[in-house]
Protein backbone atom coordinates (compact mmCIF):
# COMPACT_ATOMS: atom_id res chain seq x y z
CA MET A 1 116.15 152.39 184.06
CA VAL A 2 112.82 151.38 181.63
CA SER A 3 112.30 153.56 179.34
CA ASP A 4 108.84 154.46 178.79
CA PHE A 5 108.44 154.84 175.42
CA PRO A 6 107.90 151.70 172.96
CA ASP A 7 110.74 150.61 170.43
CA ARG A 8 111.28 152.92 167.81
CA PRO A 9 111.63 151.46 163.88
CA PRO A 10 115.04 151.80 162.81
CA PRO A 11 115.64 154.81 160.53
CA PRO A 12 115.21 154.82 157.22
CA ARG A 13 118.13 153.32 155.22
CA SER A 14 119.74 155.83 152.91
CA LEU A 15 119.58 155.89 149.44
CA VAL A 16 123.01 154.92 148.53
CA ALA A 17 122.65 151.79 151.35
CA ARG A 18 119.76 150.76 149.30
CA LEU A 19 121.43 151.49 145.64
CA GLY A 20 123.90 149.33 147.23
CA SER A 21 122.08 146.47 148.21
CA TRP A 22 120.50 146.68 145.09
CA ILE A 23 123.65 146.29 143.38
CA GLU A 24 124.54 143.20 145.22
CA TRP A 25 121.48 141.46 144.66
CA VAL A 26 122.12 142.02 140.90
CA GLY A 27 125.66 141.20 141.07
CA LEU A 28 124.66 137.84 142.77
CA ALA A 29 121.59 137.15 140.46
CA ARG A 30 124.31 137.29 137.33
CA VAL A 31 126.53 134.96 138.51
CA LEU A 32 123.81 132.40 139.31
CA ALA A 33 122.33 133.00 136.17
CA ALA A 34 125.69 132.85 133.99
CA ALA A 35 126.40 129.24 136.09
CA VAL A 36 123.10 128.22 135.18
CA VAL A 37 123.91 128.96 131.48
CA VAL A 38 127.06 127.16 131.80
CA LEU A 39 126.12 124.12 133.43
CA ALA A 40 122.97 123.86 130.43
CA VAL A 41 126.00 124.23 127.87
CA VAL A 42 127.83 121.78 129.42
CA ALA A 43 124.88 119.37 129.72
CA GLY A 44 123.96 119.74 125.71
CA ALA A 45 127.35 119.13 124.67
CA TYR A 46 127.46 116.17 126.48
CA TRP A 47 124.53 114.67 125.05
CA LEU A 48 125.78 115.43 121.75
CA VAL A 49 128.78 113.90 122.24
CA LYS A 50 128.26 110.75 124.26
CA PRO A 51 128.27 107.33 122.30
CA PRO A 52 124.85 105.73 121.35
CA PRO A 53 123.99 102.95 123.96
CA VAL A 54 125.10 99.41 122.84
CA THR A 55 122.78 97.32 121.53
CA THR A 56 122.29 93.75 120.37
CA GLU A 57 122.45 94.56 116.83
CA SER A 58 125.73 96.71 116.95
CA LYS A 59 127.71 93.63 118.59
CA LEU A 60 126.66 91.03 115.76
CA PRO A 61 129.21 90.68 112.92
CA TYR A 62 128.10 92.32 109.37
CA ALA A 63 127.40 89.25 106.66
CA PRO A 64 128.55 90.59 103.42
CA SER A 65 125.95 91.73 100.78
CA ALA A 66 124.39 89.63 98.61
CA GLY A 67 125.72 91.28 95.49
CA ALA A 68 129.72 91.11 97.28
CA SER A 69 128.85 87.28 97.88
CA THR A 70 127.76 86.97 94.19
CA THR A 71 131.04 88.49 93.07
CA THR A 72 132.94 86.59 95.02
CA ALA A 73 131.77 83.48 94.07
CA ALA A 74 132.14 84.09 90.55
CA ALA A 75 135.71 84.97 90.78
CA THR A 76 136.24 81.96 92.75
CA ALA A 77 134.66 79.65 90.56
CA ALA A 78 136.31 81.70 87.21
CA SER A 79 139.68 80.98 89.00
CA ALA A 80 139.05 77.28 89.68
CA THR A 81 137.86 76.86 86.14
CA PRO A 82 140.90 76.03 83.64
CA ALA A 83 141.01 78.02 80.38
CA THR A 84 139.40 75.95 77.68
CA THR A 85 141.38 76.09 74.24
CA VAL A 86 139.17 76.01 71.07
CA ALA A 87 139.66 73.05 68.99
CA VAL A 88 140.30 73.67 65.52
CA ALA A 89 139.73 71.60 62.03
CA VAL A 90 141.74 71.97 59.34
CA VAL A 91 140.39 71.28 55.91
CA HIS A 92 141.29 71.52 52.31
CA VAL A 93 138.43 73.27 49.90
CA ALA A 94 138.56 72.99 46.38
CA GLY A 95 136.25 72.95 43.20
CA ALA A 96 133.71 75.34 42.18
CA VAL A 97 134.97 78.05 44.79
CA ALA A 98 136.00 81.81 44.68
CA ALA A 99 139.36 81.05 46.49
CA PRO A 100 139.95 76.97 47.11
CA GLY A 101 142.75 76.39 49.77
CA VAL A 102 143.23 75.08 53.03
CA TYR A 103 141.06 76.71 56.04
CA ARG A 104 141.26 76.57 59.88
CA LEU A 105 137.55 76.32 60.96
CA ASP A 106 136.50 75.63 64.80
CA THR A 107 135.55 71.84 65.43
CA GLY A 108 131.66 71.56 64.72
CA ALA A 109 131.87 73.65 61.35
CA ARG A 110 129.88 72.08 58.72
CA VAL A 111 130.21 72.18 54.96
CA ILE A 112 129.14 75.60 54.59
CA ASP A 113 130.99 76.97 57.05
CA ALA A 114 134.18 75.63 54.97
CA VAL A 115 132.63 76.78 51.54
CA HIS A 116 131.97 80.35 53.07
CA ALA A 117 135.62 80.72 54.14
CA ALA A 118 136.65 79.85 50.94
CA GLY A 119 134.92 82.73 49.29
CA GLY A 120 131.74 81.04 48.70
CA LEU A 121 130.29 78.97 45.36
CA THR A 122 131.20 80.13 42.05
CA THR A 123 128.39 80.63 39.08
CA GLU A 124 129.26 76.94 37.93
CA ALA A 125 128.97 75.34 41.20
CA ASN A 126 126.38 72.57 41.69
CA ALA A 127 125.52 72.93 45.00
CA ASP A 128 123.16 70.44 45.17
CA ALA A 129 125.86 68.07 44.58
CA LEU A 130 126.96 68.82 48.36
CA ASN A 131 125.02 68.02 51.84
CA LEU A 132 125.96 71.26 53.08
CA ALA A 133 124.84 70.28 56.75
CA ALA A 134 127.44 68.09 57.19
CA LEU A 135 129.67 67.91 59.85
CA LEU A 136 133.38 68.79 59.35
CA THR A 137 136.11 66.67 60.32
CA ASP A 138 140.03 67.71 60.53
CA GLY A 139 141.64 66.87 57.63
CA GLN A 140 138.99 66.56 55.54
CA ARG A 141 138.78 67.45 51.86
CA VAL A 142 135.36 69.44 50.29
CA TYR A 143 135.03 69.18 46.95
CA VAL A 144 132.58 71.15 45.24
CA PRO A 145 131.60 69.67 41.79
CA ARG A 146 130.71 72.19 38.58
CA ILE A 147 127.37 71.25 37.07
CA GLY A 148 127.79 68.33 35.36
CA GLU A 149 130.88 66.87 36.74
CA THR A 150 131.29 63.92 38.35
CA PRO A 151 133.34 64.59 41.68
CA PRO A 152 136.35 62.84 42.33
CA VAL A 153 136.37 61.02 45.56
CA VAL A 154 139.74 61.68 47.50
CA LEU A 155 140.30 59.78 50.79
CA SER A 156 141.78 62.24 52.83
CA ALA A 157 141.67 60.24 56.01
CA GLY A 158 143.85 57.11 56.91
CA PRO A 159 142.91 53.38 56.21
CA GLY A 160 140.02 52.35 58.46
CA SER A 161 138.60 55.53 59.06
CA THR A 162 134.76 56.09 59.17
CA SER A 163 134.54 59.99 57.98
CA ALA A 164 132.50 60.55 54.86
CA PRO A 165 134.39 61.56 51.79
CA ALA A 166 133.70 65.65 50.88
CA GLY A 167 132.02 64.76 47.40
CA PRO A 168 129.35 62.69 46.80
CA VAL A 169 130.17 59.19 45.62
CA ASN A 170 128.50 58.23 42.41
CA LEU A 171 126.88 54.61 42.75
CA ASN A 172 127.07 53.99 39.18
CA THR A 173 130.81 54.52 38.62
CA ALA A 174 132.41 53.93 42.07
CA THR A 175 134.72 51.02 42.71
CA ALA A 176 134.50 48.82 46.18
CA THR A 177 137.18 51.59 47.68
CA ASP A 178 135.22 54.64 46.71
CA LEU A 179 132.27 52.71 48.35
CA GLU A 180 134.13 51.49 51.58
CA SER A 181 135.16 55.39 52.10
CA LEU A 182 131.07 56.02 53.07
CA PRO A 183 130.61 55.77 56.71
CA GLY A 184 128.76 52.37 57.62
CA VAL A 185 129.63 50.83 54.47
CA GLY A 186 132.26 47.83 55.22
CA PRO A 187 133.81 45.76 52.85
CA ALA A 188 130.72 43.41 52.51
CA THR A 189 128.04 46.00 51.80
CA ALA A 190 130.02 47.43 48.98
CA ALA A 191 130.66 44.22 47.32
CA THR A 192 126.85 43.94 48.03
CA ILE A 193 125.85 47.09 46.19
CA LEU A 194 128.44 46.28 43.24
CA ALA A 195 126.75 43.01 42.57
CA HIS A 196 123.24 44.52 42.87
CA ARG A 197 124.71 46.99 40.40
CA GLU A 198 125.95 44.57 37.80
CA GLN A 199 122.72 42.38 38.54
CA HIS A 200 119.99 45.35 37.95
CA GLY A 201 122.00 47.63 36.05
CA PRO A 202 122.87 51.77 36.90
CA PHE A 203 121.05 52.90 39.96
CA ALA A 204 118.08 55.21 38.72
CA SER A 205 118.23 57.07 42.01
CA VAL A 206 119.54 57.01 45.52
CA ASP A 207 116.45 55.76 46.96
CA ASP A 208 117.19 52.20 44.98
CA LEU A 209 119.94 51.40 47.60
CA ALA A 210 117.05 50.24 49.61
CA ASP A 211 116.56 47.46 47.22
CA VAL A 212 120.23 46.56 48.12
CA ARG A 213 120.44 43.55 50.88
CA GLY A 214 121.75 44.66 54.41
CA ILE A 215 121.00 48.67 53.75
CA GLY A 216 117.70 49.91 55.79
CA PRO A 217 116.09 52.94 56.00
CA ALA A 218 118.24 54.11 58.86
CA LYS A 219 121.45 53.45 56.31
CA LEU A 220 119.85 54.64 53.62
CA GLU A 221 119.44 57.96 55.41
CA ALA A 222 122.62 58.41 56.57
CA LEU A 223 123.94 57.94 53.26
CA ARG A 224 121.84 60.13 51.53
CA GLY A 225 123.57 63.62 50.62
CA LEU A 226 127.10 61.70 50.48
CA VAL A 227 125.93 59.39 47.28
CA THR A 228 124.80 60.62 43.58
CA VAL A 229 123.70 58.52 40.45
């Protein structure tokens, strides 16, 4: 039997039923929100800790810095270079100096260095009689004459040595042996100097050596400071 009355709307839900539905909806929303938060946290953590992408530069080996390479090269060169020993010249300083004696000086030292090692010149020293700039040789004797004194000639080297004597040689009193102790003066030149002295008399100055046969300007300059009159 068909009812003559239209369908009626469902009766309104009770307040309790509606409250329960709201609570269910809110709970589901919270779950969804919590899931979204968890996913966001996980994604952020992965983005922070993930390794950077591999680039071409990261695959290349690092070259040492310029400072490191320079230091390494210097250390290698230092280790490859043998240690050098400073040569020493032993000289005898005598005459008008504060402390005459035998002194050890570096090779390449000059007469002035030997005089300083011996305490310097005394007030009686005739400094003009010395070539203070002359190079020292091992075994040399440096004699500083006093004013008015003719320095003795001492051969400190062996026969045939070409080293100069420590003190100047007096051209007017020197023997052939004394003259041959001068650098570049052999027996023939020494004999020529003696012959010139006998023929023309004493030398008035060192420049008079230019009149001696066989002594040119170069040899005269080499002897200047090593001879006196």
